[in-house]
Amino acid sequence: MNTETLTMFITVAQAGSISAAAVQLGYAQSNISTKIKQLENTLHTQLFYRNNRGIILTATGQQLLQQAIKIVQLTDKTIADIQHPNDVHGQLHIGTLQTAASTFLPQVLSRYHRQQTKVTLTIQTGTTLASTQSVLNYQLDGAIIGGQISTTDLTVMPLMQESLCLITANSSNIDIQHSPILVFPVGCAYRNTLERWLDSQKITLHQPIEFDYLNAMIASVSAGLGITILPKRVVQPYLEAGAISALALPEPFASLPISFIYRHDYIISRPLERFIAELKINK
């Protein structure tokens, strides 16, 4: 058992199939299948349940996955520290909210990239729920999320308190009771806030119109399709242009905590360490 085999195992587990892992790694499927079978024989256990739709980790496989990720991370970090003792070198995979990606994060990334030229950055947008799950599954080094999370496996670094507002095409002619509601997918912190606010108004969220793209949602509000809740600084340019109107929200719906999360047990690489430092400067 070596780190190459463990990397194959991790990729198969995260990709959900040997064929998908083969594409990611650039190996033949037969090579990966053989390595996984050898790993199972070495450990005297079954790591995957195999079916026509792919593979699912067994309980033993889930246990090995967490340890395998730590072993590969520690090995990569050790090699990097020895080969590049004075460099910040490697990869950094960060998750983020679309709203953060359109406001404060670009400045953070720009400064970081100018200083850490040997780091390969990958930025993945998604809901708070999706990003949190990816961090817990070691698929992301860390993520910018909105709202509160209840898991004890994560370190939560508060970044800011984000002001929210209700946006509409015309604030003087709005019927909240009957207006279509525009939302991001389930797991979005802004959607959760919107649902809680509607519940406080005794309004049922019925057949909302779901978006996965921020600009499309704002444009649709401007066109009169419906209403939604978004951060004030995200919609400020549209407010100044007169494309939309904003209504104040009552407490506790008028703001949302924004944080950066990463696993407690994560072996913090130099790229992640410097990124966290950059976020702290931006606070």
C-alpha atoms as a PDB file:
ATOM      1  CA  MET A   1       0.000   0.000   0.000  1.00  0.00           C
ATOM      2  CA  ASN A   2       1.471   3.348  -1.100  1.00  0.00           C
ATOM      3  CA  THR A   3       0.249   6.917  -1.569  1.00  0.00           C
ATOM      4  CA  GLU A   4      -0.410   6.345  -5.288  1.00  0.00           C
ATOM      5  CA  THR A   5      -2.831   3.524  -4.459  1.00  0.00           C
ATOM      6  CA  LEU A   6      -4.424   5.584  -1.694  1.00  0.00           C
ATOM      7  CA  THR A   7      -4.837   8.506  -4.103  1.00  0.00           C
ATOM      8  CA  MET A   8      -6.627   6.162  -6.520  1.00  0.00           C
ATOM      9  CA  PHE A   9      -8.865   4.940  -3.711  1.00  0.00           C
ATOM     10  CA  ILE A  10      -9.689   8.502  -2.612  1.00  0.00           C
ATOM     11  CA  THR A  11     -10.475   9.601  -6.181  1.00  0.00           C
ATOM     12  CA  VAL A  12     -12.746   6.602  -6.797  1.00  0.00           C
ATOM     13  CA  ALA A  13     -14.579   7.212  -3.516  1.00  0.00           C
ATOM     14  CA  GLN A  14     -15.110  10.908  -4.254  1.00  0.00           C
ATOM     15  CA  ALA A  15     -15.917  10.482  -7.964  1.00  0.00           C
ATOM     16  CA  GLY A  16     -18.419   7.675  -7.332  1.00  0.00           C
ATOM     17  CA  SER A  17     -17.136   5.349 -10.049  1.00  0.00           C
ATOM     18  CA  ILE A  18     -13.921   3.859 -11.368  1.00  0.00           C
ATOM     19  CA  SER A  19     -14.588   5.267 -14.851  1.00  0.00           C
ATOM     20  CA  ALA A  20     -14.898   8.828 -13.516  1.00  0.00           C
ATOM     21  CA  ALA A  21     -11.755   8.384 -11.420  1.00  0.00           C
ATOM     22  CA  ALA A  22      -9.890   7.080 -14.476  1.00  0.00           C
ATOM     23  CA  VAL A  23     -10.747  10.254 -16.376  1.00  0.00           C
ATOM     24  CA  GLN A  24      -9.606  12.470 -13.496  1.00  0.00           C
ATOM     25  CA  LEU A  25      -6.340  10.606 -12.945  1.00  0.00           C
ATOM     26  CA  GLY A  26      -5.547   9.775 -16.577  1.00  0.00           C
ATOM     27  CA  TYR A  27      -5.246   6.035 -15.870  1.00  0.00           C
ATOM     28  CA  ALA A  28      -6.835   3.022 -17.523  1.00  0.00           C
ATOM     29  CA  GLN A  29      -9.911   1.728 -15.671  1.00  0.00           C
ATOM     30  CA  SER A  30      -8.358  -1.743 -15.510  1.00  0.00           C
ATOM     31  CA  ASN A  31      -5.291  -0.324 -13.743  1.00  0.00           C
ATOM     32  CA  ILE A  32      -7.416   1.366 -11.090  1.00  0.00           C
ATOM     33  CA  SER A  33      -9.637  -1.701 -10.649  1.00  0.00           C
ATOM     34  CA  THR A  34      -6.575  -3.883 -10.116  1.00  0.00           C
ATOM     35  CA  LYS A  35      -5.081  -1.465  -7.567  1.00  0.00           C
ATOM     36  CA  ILE A  36      -8.335  -1.233  -5.602  1.00  0.00           C
ATOM     37  CA  LYS A  37      -8.669  -5.036  -5.576  1.00  0.00           C
ATOM     38  CA  GLN A  38      -5.059  -5.376  -4.361  1.00  0.00           C
ATOM     39  CA  LEU A  39      -5.766  -2.839  -1.618  1.00  0.00           C
ATOM     40  CA  GLU A  40      -8.822  -4.806  -0.487  1.00  0.00           C
ATOM     41  CA  ASN A  41      -6.781  -8.025  -0.476  1.00  0.00           C
ATOM     42  CA  THR A  42      -4.007  -6.377   1.533  1.00  0.00           C
ATOM     43  CA  LEU A  43      -6.485  -5.098   4.138  1.00  0.00           C
ATOM     44  CA  HIS A  44      -8.585  -8.296   4.056  1.00  0.00           C
ATOM     45  CA  THR A  45     -11.791  -6.303   3.723  1.00  0.00           C
ATOM     46  CA  GLN A  46     -14.283  -4.984   1.174  1.00  0.00           C
ATOM     47  CA  LEU A  47     -14.006  -1.226   0.616  1.00  0.00           C
ATOM     48  CA  PHE A  48     -16.816  -0.703  -1.909  1.00  0.00           C
ATOM     49  CA  TYR A  49     -20.266  -2.036  -2.682  1.00  0.00           C
ATOM     50  CA  ARG A  50     -20.417  -2.354  -6.463  1.00  0.00           C
ATOM     51  CA  ASN A  51     -23.601  -2.005  -8.537  1.00  0.00           C
ATOM     52  CA  ASN A  52     -24.681  -1.008 -12.044  1.00  0.00           C
ATOM     53  CA  ARG A  53     -24.841   2.687 -11.115  1.00  0.00           C
ATOM     54  CA  GLY A  54     -21.369   2.879  -9.618  1.00  0.00           C
ATOM     55  CA  ILE A  55     -19.854   2.181  -6.230  1.00  0.00           C
ATOM     56  CA  ILE A  56     -20.611   3.044  -2.621  1.00  0.00           C
ATOM     57  CA  LEU A  57     -18.180   2.952   0.277  1.00  0.00           C
ATOM     58  CA  THR A  58     -18.629   0.258   2.892  1.00  0.00           C
ATOM     59  CA  ALA A  59     -18.313   1.210   6.565  1.00  0.00           C
ATOM     60  CA  THR A  60     -14.669   0.084   6.438  1.00  0.00           C
ATOM     61  CA  GLY A  61     -14.181   2.064   3.243  1.00  0.00           C
ATOM     62  CA  GLN A  62     -15.515   5.205   4.912  1.00  0.00           C
ATOM     63  CA  GLN A  63     -13.117   4.687   7.804  1.00  0.00           C
ATOM     64  CA  LEU A  64     -10.175   4.220   5.441  1.00  0.00           C
ATOM     65  CA  LEU A  65     -11.137   7.270   3.355  1.00  0.00           C
ATOM     66  CA  GLN A  66     -10.615   9.731   6.197  1.00  0.00           C
ATOM     67  CA  GLN A  67      -7.289   8.189   7.186  1.00  0.00           C
ATOM     68  CA  ALA A  68      -6.127   7.886   3.571  1.00  0.00           C
ATOM     69  CA  ILE A  69      -6.758  11.577   2.932  1.00  0.00           C
ATOM     70  CA  LYS A  70      -4.717  12.502   6.012  1.00  0.00           C
ATOM     71  CA  ILE A  71      -1.854  10.201   4.955  1.00  0.00           C
ATOM     72  CA  VAL A  72      -1.736  11.647   1.425  1.00  0.00           C
ATOM     73  CA  GLN A  73      -2.001  15.219   2.725  1.00  0.00           C
ATOM     74  CA  LEU A  74       0.777  14.715   5.259  1.00  0.00           C
ATOM     75  CA  THR A  75       2.987  13.003   2.671  1.00  0.00           C
ATOM     76  CA  ASP A  76       2.467  15.799   0.131  1.00  0.00           C
ATOM     77  CA  LYS A  77       3.111  18.461   2.774  1.00  0.00           C
ATOM     78  CA  THR A  78       6.285  16.739   3.970  1.00  0.00           C
ATOM     79  CA  ILE A  79       7.628  16.428   0.425  1.00  0.00           C
ATOM     80  CA  ALA A  80       6.780  20.075  -0.331  1.00  0.00           C
ATOM     81  CA  ASP A  81       8.435  21.274   2.894  1.00  0.00           C
ATOM     82  CA  ILE A  82      11.618  19.351   2.089  1.00  0.00           C
ATOM     83  CA  GLN A  83      11.790  20.152  -1.628  1.00  0.00           C
ATOM     84  CA  HIS A  84      10.611  23.751  -1.330  1.00  0.00           C
ATOM     85  CA  PRO A  85      11.505  24.870   2.221  1.00  0.00           C
ATOM     86  CA  ASN A  86      11.141  28.574   1.424  1.00  0.00           C
ATOM     87  CA  ASP A  87       8.290  28.416  -1.081  1.00  0.00           C
ATOM     88  CA  VAL A  88       4.519  28.415  -0.839  1.00  0.00           C
ATOM     89  CA  HIS A  89       3.895  25.716  -3.388  1.00  0.00           C
ATOM     90  CA  GLY A  90       1.004  23.412  -4.305  1.00  0.00           C
ATOM     91  CA  GLN A  91      -2.758  23.505  -4.837  1.00  0.00           C
ATOM     92  CA  LEU A  92      -5.587  25.283  -3.041  1.00  0.00           C
ATOM     93  CA  HIS A  93      -9.252  24.351  -3.496  1.00  0.00           C
ATOM     94  CA  ILE A  94     -11.651  26.907  -2.019  1.00  0.00           C
ATOM     95  CA  GLY A  95     -15.451  26.925  -1.967  1.00  0.00           C
ATOM     96  CA  THR A  96     -17.439  30.140  -1.864  1.00  0.00           C
ATOM     97  CA  LEU A  97     -20.860  31.717  -2.080  1.00  0.00           C
ATOM     98  CA  GLN A  98     -21.659  33.352  -5.426  1.00  0.00           C
ATOM     99  CA  THR A  99     -22.298  36.610  -3.577  1.00  0.00           C
ATOM    100  CA  ALA A 100     -18.836  36.558  -1.969  1.00  0.00           C
ATOM    101  CA  ALA A 101     -17.323  35.706  -5.357  1.00  0.00           C
ATOM    102  CA  SER A 102     -18.861  38.881  -6.788  1.00  0.00           C
ATOM    103  CA  THR A 103     -17.949  41.252  -3.922  1.00  0.00           C
ATOM    104  CA  PHE A 104     -14.971  40.938  -1.550  1.00  0.00           C
ATOM    105  CA  LEU A 105     -13.369  37.645  -2.637  1.00  0.00           C
ATOM    106  CA  PRO A 106     -11.870  38.816  -5.980  1.00  0.00           C
ATOM    107  CA  GLN A 107      -9.704  41.370  -4.155  1.00  0.00           C
ATOM    108  CA  VAL A 108      -8.528  38.701  -1.704  1.00  0.00           C
ATOM    109  CA  LEU A 109      -7.728  36.275  -4.525  1.00  0.00           C
ATOM    110  CA  SER A 110      -5.922  38.945  -6.534  1.00  0.00           C
ATOM    111  CA  ARG A 111      -3.599  39.842  -3.642  1.00  0.00           C
ATOM    112  CA  TYR A 112      -3.064  36.178  -2.815  1.00  0.00           C
ATOM    113  CA  HIS A 113      -2.223  35.233  -6.412  1.00  0.00           C
ATOM    114  CA  ARG A 114       0.271  38.085  -6.783  1.00  0.00           C
ATOM    115  CA  GLN A 115       2.109  36.930  -3.652  1.00  0.00           C
ATOM    116  CA  GLN A 116       1.756  33.141  -4.027  1.00  0.00           C
ATOM    117  CA  THR A 117       2.604  32.680  -7.694  1.00  0.00           C
ATOM    118  CA  LYS A 118       3.419  28.962  -7.322  1.00  0.00           C
ATOM    119  CA  VAL A 119       0.009  28.029  -5.917  1.00  0.00           C
ATOM    120  CA  THR A 120      -2.625  26.629  -8.291  1.00  0.00           C
ATOM    121  CA  LEU A 121      -5.991  28.076  -7.277  1.00  0.00           C
ATOM    122  CA  THR A 122      -9.343  26.396  -7.836  1.00  0.00           C
ATOM    123  CA  ILE A 123     -12.509  28.282  -6.820  1.00  0.00           C
ATOM    124  CA  GLN A 124     -15.834  26.450  -6.602  1.00  0.00           C
ATOM    125  CA  THR A 125     -19.121  28.272  -6.009  1.00  0.00           C
ATOM    126  CA  GLY A 126     -22.004  26.582  -4.234  1.00  0.00           C
ATOM    127  CA  THR A 127     -24.537  26.800  -1.439  1.00  0.00           C
ATOM    128  CA  THR A 128     -23.520  26.776   2.205  1.00  0.00           C
ATOM    129  CA  LEU A 129     -24.781  23.194   2.530  1.00  0.00           C
ATOM    130  CA  ALA A 130     -22.892  21.949  -0.531  1.00  0.00           C
ATOM    131  CA  SER A 131     -19.640  23.695   0.392  1.00  0.00           C
ATOM    132  CA  THR A 132     -19.815  22.514   3.995  1.00  0.00           C
ATOM    133  CA  GLN A 133     -20.317  18.922   2.867  1.00  0.00           C
ATOM    134  CA  SER A 134     -17.375  19.194   0.464  1.00  0.00           C
ATOM    135  CA  VAL A 135     -15.134  20.501   3.263  1.00  0.00           C
ATOM    136  CA  LEU A 136     -16.276  17.689   5.564  1.00  0.00           C
ATOM    137  CA  ASN A 137     -15.516  15.184   2.778  1.00  0.00           C
ATOM    138  CA  TYR A 138     -12.004  16.672   2.298  1.00  0.00           C
ATOM    139  CA  GLN A 139     -12.917  17.728  -1.251  1.00  0.00           C
ATOM    140  CA  LEU A 140     -12.292  21.399  -0.464  1.00  0.00           C
ATOM    141  CA  ASP A 141      -9.504  22.850   1.677  1.00  0.00           C
ATOM    142  CA  GLY A 142     -11.959  25.392   3.055  1.00  0.00           C
ATOM    143  CA  ALA A 143     -15.018  27.424   2.120  1.00  0.00           C
ATOM    144  CA  ILE A 144     -16.722  30.782   2.590  1.00  0.00           C
ATOM    145  CA  ILE A 145     -20.251  30.171   3.860  1.00  0.00           C
ATOM    146  CA  GLY A 146     -23.238  32.115   5.155  1.00  0.00           C
ATOM    147  CA  GLY A 147     -25.227  31.523   8.332  1.00  0.00           C
ATOM    148  CA  GLN A 148     -24.572  29.201  11.242  1.00  0.00           C
ATOM    149  CA  ILE A 149     -23.423  25.571  11.114  1.00  0.00           C
ATOM    150  CA  SER A 150     -23.792  23.026  13.896  1.00  0.00           C
ATOM    151  CA  THR A 151     -21.044  20.479  13.182  1.00  0.00           C
ATOM    152  CA  THR A 152     -18.156  20.195  15.656  1.00  0.00           C
ATOM    153  CA  ASP A 153     -15.738  18.871  13.003  1.00  0.00           C
ATOM    154  CA  LEU A 154     -15.079  22.316  11.562  1.00  0.00           C
ATOM    155  CA  THR A 155     -13.141  25.401  12.560  1.00  0.00           C
ATOM    156  CA  VAL A 156     -15.282  28.487  11.895  1.00  0.00           C
ATOM    157  CA  MET A 157     -13.516  31.812  11.325  1.00  0.00           C
ATOM    158  CA  PRO A 158     -15.996  34.737  11.316  1.00  0.00           C
ATOM    159  CA  LEU A 159     -15.371  37.210   8.494  1.00  0.00           C
ATOM    160  CA  MET A 160     -18.180  39.758   8.589  1.00  0.00           C
ATOM    161  CA  GLN A 161     -21.845  40.479   9.225  1.00  0.00           C
ATOM    162  CA  GLU A 162     -23.529  40.945   5.855  1.00  0.00           C
ATOM    163  CA  SER A 163     -26.474  43.368   5.511  1.00  0.00           C
ATOM    164  CA  LEU A 164     -29.472  41.960   3.637  1.00  0.00           C
ATOM    165  CA  CYS A 165     -32.455  43.525   1.904  1.00  0.00           C
ATOM    166  CA  LEU A 166     -35.592  42.476   0.066  1.00  0.00           C
ATOM    167  CA  ILE A 167     -35.329  43.401  -3.602  1.00  0.00           C
ATOM    168  CA  THR A 168     -38.171  43.990  -6.030  1.00  0.00           C
ATOM    169  CA  ALA A 169     -38.762  45.694  -9.374  1.00  0.00           C
ATOM    170  CA  ASN A 170     -40.943  48.396  -7.815  1.00  0.00           C
ATOM    171  CA  SER A 171     -41.162  49.021  -4.060  1.00  0.00           C
ATOM    172  CA  SER A 172     -44.314  51.146  -4.423  1.00  0.00           C
ATOM    173  CA  ASN A 173     -46.316  48.364  -5.990  1.00  0.00           C
ATOM    174  CA  ILE A 174     -45.503  45.112  -4.209  1.00  0.00           C
ATOM    175  CA  ASP A 175     -47.793  42.395  -2.941  1.00  0.00           C
ATOM    176  CA  ILE A 176     -45.578  40.178  -0.817  1.00  0.00           C
ATOM    177  CA  GLN A 177     -48.416  37.745  -0.170  1.00  0.00           C
ATOM    178  CA  HIS A 178     -48.839  36.937  -3.856  1.00  0.00           C
ATOM    179  CA  SER A 179     -45.479  37.833  -5.441  1.00  0.00           C
ATOM    180  CA  PRO A 180     -43.445  34.965  -6.939  1.00  0.00           C
ATOM    181  CA  ILE A 181     -40.446  34.121  -4.780  1.00  0.00           C
ATOM    182  CA  LEU A 182     -37.016  33.704  -6.361  1.00  0.00           C
ATOM    183  CA  VAL A 183     -34.578  31.429  -4.526  1.00  0.00           C
ATOM    184  CA  PHE A 184     -31.231  29.688  -4.782  1.00  0.00           C
ATOM    185  CA  PRO A 185     -31.116  25.858  -4.375  1.00  0.00           C
ATOM    186  CA  VAL A 186     -31.886  24.189  -1.044  1.00  0.00           C
ATOM    187  CA  GLY A 187     -28.965  24.652   1.340  1.00  0.00           C
ATOM    188  CA  CYS A 188     -28.446  28.325   0.492  1.00  0.00           C
ATOM    189  CA  ALA A 189     -28.145  30.623   3.529  1.00  0.00           C
ATOM    190  CA  TYR A 190     -30.046  33.429   1.770  1.00  0.00           C
ATOM    191  CA  ARG A 191     -32.875  31.042   0.948  1.00  0.00           C
ATOM    192  CA  ASN A 192     -32.985  29.930   4.585  1.00  0.00           C
ATOM    193  CA  THR A 193     -33.235  33.571   5.704  1.00  0.00           C
ATOM    194  CA  LEU A 194     -35.974  34.239   3.148  1.00  0.00           C
ATOM    195  CA  GLU A 195     -37.959  31.201   4.293  1.00  0.00           C
ATOM    196  CA  ARG A 196     -37.669  32.238   7.949  1.00  0.00           C
ATOM    197  CA  TRP A 197     -38.791  35.780   7.115  1.00  0.00           C
ATOM    198  CA  LEU A 198     -41.779  34.520   5.095  1.00  0.00           C
ATOM    199  CA  ASP A 199     -42.700  32.219   7.962  1.00  0.00           C
ATOM    200  CA  SER A 200     -42.624  35.194  10.344  1.00  0.00           C
ATOM    201  CA  GLN A 201     -45.055  36.937   7.985  1.00  0.00           C
ATOM    202  CA  LYS A 202     -47.224  33.782   7.921  1.00  0.00           C
ATOM    203  CA  ILE A 203     -46.583  33.409   4.195  1.00  0.00           C
ATOM    204  CA  THR A 204     -46.091  29.922   2.775  1.00  0.00           C
ATOM    205  CA  LEU A 205     -43.272  29.451   0.263  1.00  0.00           C
ATOM    206  CA  HIS A 206     -45.243  27.804  -2.541  1.00  0.00           C
ATOM    207  CA  GLN A 207     -43.606  26.746  -5.814  1.00  0.00           C
ATOM    208  CA  PRO A 208     -40.619  29.120  -5.676  1.00  0.00           C
ATOM    209  CA  ILE A 209     -38.654  29.876  -8.843  1.00  0.00           C
ATOM    210  CA  GLU A 210     -35.185  28.415  -8.349  1.00  0.00           C
ATOM    211  CA  PHE A 211     -31.985  29.903  -9.766  1.00  0.00           C
ATOM    212  CA  ASP A 212     -28.380  28.758  -9.592  1.00  0.00           C
ATOM    213  CA  TYR A 213     -26.907  31.935 -11.092  1.00  0.00           C
ATOM    214  CA  LEU A 214     -26.798  35.230  -9.181  1.00  0.00           C
ATOM    215  CA  ASN A 215     -26.916  37.671 -12.112  1.00  0.00           C
ATOM    216  CA  ALA A 216     -29.846  35.846 -13.690  1.00  0.00           C
ATOM    217  CA  MET A 217     -31.788  36.157 -10.440  1.00  0.00           C
ATOM    218  CA  ILE A 218     -31.145  39.915 -10.152  1.00  0.00           C
ATOM    219  CA  ALA A 219     -32.062  40.458 -13.812  1.00  0.00           C
ATOM    220  CA  SER A 220     -35.283  38.521 -13.303  1.00  0.00           C
ATOM    221  CA  VAL A 221     -36.210  40.651 -10.288  1.00  0.00           C
ATOM    222  CA  SER A 222     -35.547  43.739 -12.402  1.00  0.00           C
ATOM    223  CA  ALA A 223     -37.850  42.378 -15.102  1.00  0.00           C
ATOM    224  CA  GLY A 224     -40.651  41.996 -12.565  1.00  0.00           C
ATOM    225  CA  LEU A 225     -40.590  38.223 -12.239  1.00  0.00           C
ATOM    226  CA  GLY A 226     -40.609  38.214  -8.443  1.00  0.00           C
ATOM    227  CA  ILE A 227     -38.856  39.153  -5.201  1.00  0.00           C
ATOM    228  CA  THR A 228     -35.938  37.788  -3.197  1.00  0.00           C
ATOM    229  CA  ILE A 229     -33.447  38.529  -0.401  1.00  0.00           C
ATOM    230  CA  LEU A 230     -29.819  39.342  -1.236  1.00  0.00           C
ATOM    231  CA  PRO A 231     -26.863  41.225   0.321  1.00  0.00           C
ATOM    232  CA  LYS A 232     -27.095  45.007  -0.056  1.00  0.00           C
ATOM    233  CA  ARG A 233     -23.605  45.396  -1.488  1.00  0.00           C
ATOM    234  CA  VAL A 234     -24.330  42.804  -4.178  1.00  0.00           C
ATOM    235  CA  VAL A 235     -27.339  44.710  -5.481  1.00  0.00           C
ATOM    236  CA  GLN A 236     -26.047  48.259  -4.806  1.00  0.00           C
ATOM    237  CA  PRO A 237     -25.030  48.947  -8.450  1.00  0.00           C
ATOM    238  CA  TYR A 238     -28.517  47.912  -9.626  1.00  0.00           C
ATOM    239  CA  LEU A 239     -30.141  50.102  -6.980  1.00  0.00           C
ATOM    240  CA  GLU A 240     -28.054  53.097  -8.039  1.00  0.00           C
ATOM    241  CA  ALA A 241     -28.987  52.472 -11.684  1.00  0.00           C
ATOM    242  CA  GLY A 242     -32.674  52.345 -10.779  1.00  0.00           C
ATOM    243  CA  ALA A 243     -33.027  48.791 -12.125  1.00  0.00           C
ATOM    244  CA  ILE A 244     -34.477  47.462  -8.858  1.00  0.00           C
ATOM    245  CA  SER A 245     -35.762  48.697  -5.514  1.00  0.00           C
ATOM    246  CA  ALA A 246     -34.887  47.525  -2.000  1.00  0.00           C
ATOM    247  CA  LEU A 247     -36.958  47.210   1.147  1.00  0.00           C
ATOM    248  CA  ALA A 248     -35.484  47.020   4.656  1.00  0.00           C
ATOM    249  CA  LEU A 249     -35.902  43.783   6.582  1.00  0.00           C
ATOM    250  CA  PRO A 250     -36.688  43.547  10.295  1.00  0.00           C
ATOM    251  CA  GLU A 251     -34.282  41.954  12.738  1.00  0.00           C
ATOM    252  CA  PRO A 252     -33.220  39.152  12.894  1.00  0.00           C
ATOM    253  CA  PHE A 253     -33.490  38.877   9.085  1.00  0.00           C
ATOM    254  CA  ALA A 254     -31.538  42.029   8.195  1.00  0.00           C
ATOM    255  CA  SER A 255     -28.072  40.477   8.402  1.00  0.00           C
ATOM    256  CA  LEU A 256     -26.221  37.217   7.923  1.00  0.00           C
ATOM    257  CA  PRO A 257     -22.865  36.078   9.361  1.00  0.00           C
ATOM    258  CA  ILE A 258     -20.246  35.196   6.737  1.00  0.00           C
ATOM    259  CA  SER A 259     -17.465  32.804   7.781  1.00  0.00           C
ATOM    260  CA  PHE A 260     -14.574  30.727   6.487  1.00  0.00           C
ATOM    261  CA  ILE A 261     -14.584  27.057   7.483  1.00  0.00           C
ATOM    262  CA  TYR A 262     -12.087  24.206   7.384  1.00  0.00           C
ATOM    263  CA  ARG A 263     -11.776  20.856   9.138  1.00  0.00           C
ATOM    264  CA  HIS A 264     -10.325  20.648  12.653  1.00  0.00           C
ATOM    265  CA  ASP A 265      -8.201  17.662  11.671  1.00  0.00           C
ATOM    266  CA  TYR A 266      -7.050  19.113   8.351  1.00  0.00           C
ATOM    267  CA  ILE A 267      -3.304  19.210   7.831  1.00  0.00           C
ATOM    268  CA  ILE A 268      -2.981  22.883   7.005  1.00  0.00           C
ATOM    269  CA  SER A 269      -0.718  23.348   4.015  1.00  0.00           C
ATOM    270  CA  ARG A 270       1.279  26.506   3.404  1.00  0.00           C
ATOM    271  CA  PRO A 271      -1.125  27.606   0.620  1.00  0.00           C
ATOM    272  CA  LEU A 272      -4.106  27.317   2.984  1.00  0.00           C
ATOM    273  CA  GLU A 273      -2.199  28.941   5.833  1.00  0.00           C
ATOM    274  CA  ARG A 274      -1.405  31.982   3.668  1.00  0.00           C
ATOM    275  CA  PHE A 275      -4.965  32.159   2.373  1.00  0.00           C
ATOM    276  CA  ILE A 276      -6.337  32.245   5.922  1.00  0.00           C
ATOM    277  CA  ALA A 277      -3.867  35.019   6.733  1.00  0.00           C
ATOM    278  CA  GLU A 278      -5.083  36.963   3.681  1.00  0.00           C
ATOM    279  CA  LEU A 279      -8.695  36.611   4.798  1.00  0.00           C
ATOM    280  CA  LYS A 280      -7.795  37.909   8.252  1.00  0.00           C
ATOM    281  CA  ILE A 281      -6.201  40.995   6.687  1.00  0.00           C
ATOM    282  CA  ASN A 282      -9.415  41.615   4.736  1.00  0.00           C
ATOM    283  CA  LYS A 283     -11.671  41.415   7.813  1.00  0.00           C
END
